[in-house]
Amino acid sequence: MDLFGSGLPNGAIRAPAWPELPAEARAALTSLMTQLILDHAAMTATPPAKGVDHDL
């Protein structure tokens, strides 16, 4: 499935494989992805506040 409309096979976009990235880039990406996942988990794990539903 081509989600971005490039029409190229997966290997044709010439994106570097993970091991080919510099160590600094891998560390930065790992840190950013970790923070993104933790932020998302914190938002979705928070129970709704009391009184939010307006049932009488």
C-alpha atoms as a PDB file:
ATOM      1  CA  MET A   1       0.000   0.000   0.000  1.00  0.00           C
ATOM      2  CA  ASP A   2       1.443   3.353  -0.997  1.00  0.00           C
ATOM      3  CA  LEU A   3       0.173   5.884   1.546  1.00  0.00           C
ATOM      4  CA  PHE A   4       2.134   8.845   0.238  1.00  0.00           C
ATOM      5  CA  GLY A   5       1.642   8.470  -3.495  1.00  0.00           C
ATOM      6  CA  SER A   6       5.282   8.145  -4.508  1.00  0.00           C
ATOM      7  CA  GLY A   7       4.564   5.156  -6.719  1.00  0.00           C
ATOM      8  CA  LEU A   8       8.027   3.796  -5.931  1.00  0.00           C
ATOM      9  CA  PRO A   9       8.706   0.404  -4.371  1.00  0.00           C
ATOM     10  CA  ASN A  10       9.832   0.504  -0.732  1.00  0.00           C
ATOM     11  CA  GLY A  11      13.544   0.279  -1.530  1.00  0.00           C
ATOM     12  CA  ALA A  12      13.462   2.917  -4.257  1.00  0.00           C
ATOM     13  CA  ILE A  13      13.131   5.963  -2.001  1.00  0.00           C
ATOM     14  CA  ARG A  14      16.791   5.657  -0.939  1.00  0.00           C
ATOM     15  CA  ALA A  15      16.081   6.253   2.736  1.00  0.00           C
ATOM     16  CA  PRO A  16      18.981   5.026   4.867  1.00  0.00           C
ATOM     17  CA  ALA A  17      18.536   1.903   6.921  1.00  0.00           C
ATOM     18  CA  TRP A  18      18.612   2.369  10.703  1.00  0.00           C
ATOM     19  CA  PRO A  19      22.203   1.039  11.111  1.00  0.00           C
ATOM     20  CA  GLU A  20      23.410   3.439   8.405  1.00  0.00           C
ATOM     21  CA  LEU A  21      22.286   6.519  10.359  1.00  0.00           C
ATOM     22  CA  PRO A  22      24.897   8.303  12.469  1.00  0.00           C
ATOM     23  CA  ALA A  23      24.808   7.354  16.167  1.00  0.00           C
ATOM     24  CA  GLU A  24      23.740  10.908  17.079  1.00  0.00           C
ATOM     25  CA  ALA A  25      20.751  10.715  14.745  1.00  0.00           C
ATOM     26  CA  ARG A  26      19.695   7.312  16.090  1.00  0.00           C
ATOM     27  CA  ALA A  27      19.958   8.597  19.674  1.00  0.00           C
ATOM     28  CA  ALA A  28      17.957  11.736  18.874  1.00  0.00           C
ATOM     29  CA  LEU A  29      15.245   9.792  17.048  1.00  0.00           C
ATOM     30  CA  THR A  30      15.013   7.239  19.850  1.00  0.00           C
ATOM     31  CA  SER A  31      14.657  10.013  22.422  1.00  0.00           C
ATOM     32  CA  LEU A  32      12.004  11.829  20.385  1.00  0.00           C
ATOM     33  CA  MET A  33       9.980   8.669  19.752  1.00  0.00           C
ATOM     34  CA  THR A  34      10.207   7.699  23.439  1.00  0.00           C
ATOM     35  CA  GLN A  35       8.909  11.117  24.482  1.00  0.00           C
ATOM     36  CA  LEU A  36       6.112  10.962  21.909  1.00  0.00           C
ATOM     37  CA  ILE A  37       4.992   7.536  23.139  1.00  0.00           C
ATOM     38  CA  LEU A  38       5.157   8.558  26.815  1.00  0.00           C
ATOM     39  CA  ASP A  39       3.220  11.776  26.153  1.00  0.00           C
ATOM     40  CA  HIS A  40       0.556   9.849  24.256  1.00  0.00           C
ATOM     41  CA  ALA A  41       0.307   7.221  26.987  1.00  0.00           C
ATOM     42  CA  ALA A  42      -0.059   9.920  29.647  1.00  0.00           C
ATOM     43  CA  MET A  43      -2.909  11.564  27.753  1.00  0.00           C
ATOM     44  CA  THR A  44      -4.805   8.366  27.063  1.00  0.00           C
ATOM     45  CA  ALA A  45      -4.276   6.831  30.528  1.00  0.00           C
ATOM     46  CA  THR A  46      -5.733   9.798  32.403  1.00  0.00           C
ATOM     47  CA  PRO A  47      -9.232   9.006  33.668  1.00  0.00           C
ATOM     48  CA  PRO A  48     -11.893  11.553  32.810  1.00  0.00           C
ATOM     49  CA  ALA A  49     -12.414  14.264  35.399  1.00  0.00           C
ATOM     50  CA  LYS A  50     -15.435  13.968  37.672  1.00  0.00           C
ATOM     51  CA  GLY A  51     -18.388  16.014  36.591  1.00  0.00           C
ATOM     52  CA  VAL A  52     -17.376  16.078  32.949  1.00  0.00           C
ATOM     53  CA  ASP A  53     -20.369  14.101  31.790  1.00  0.00           C
ATOM     54  CA  HIS A  54     -23.466  16.209  32.065  1.00  0.00           C
ATOM     55  CA  ASP A  55     -25.870  13.441  33.028  1.00  0.00           C
ATOM     56  CA  LEU A  56     -28.443  14.572  35.536  1.00  0.00           C
END
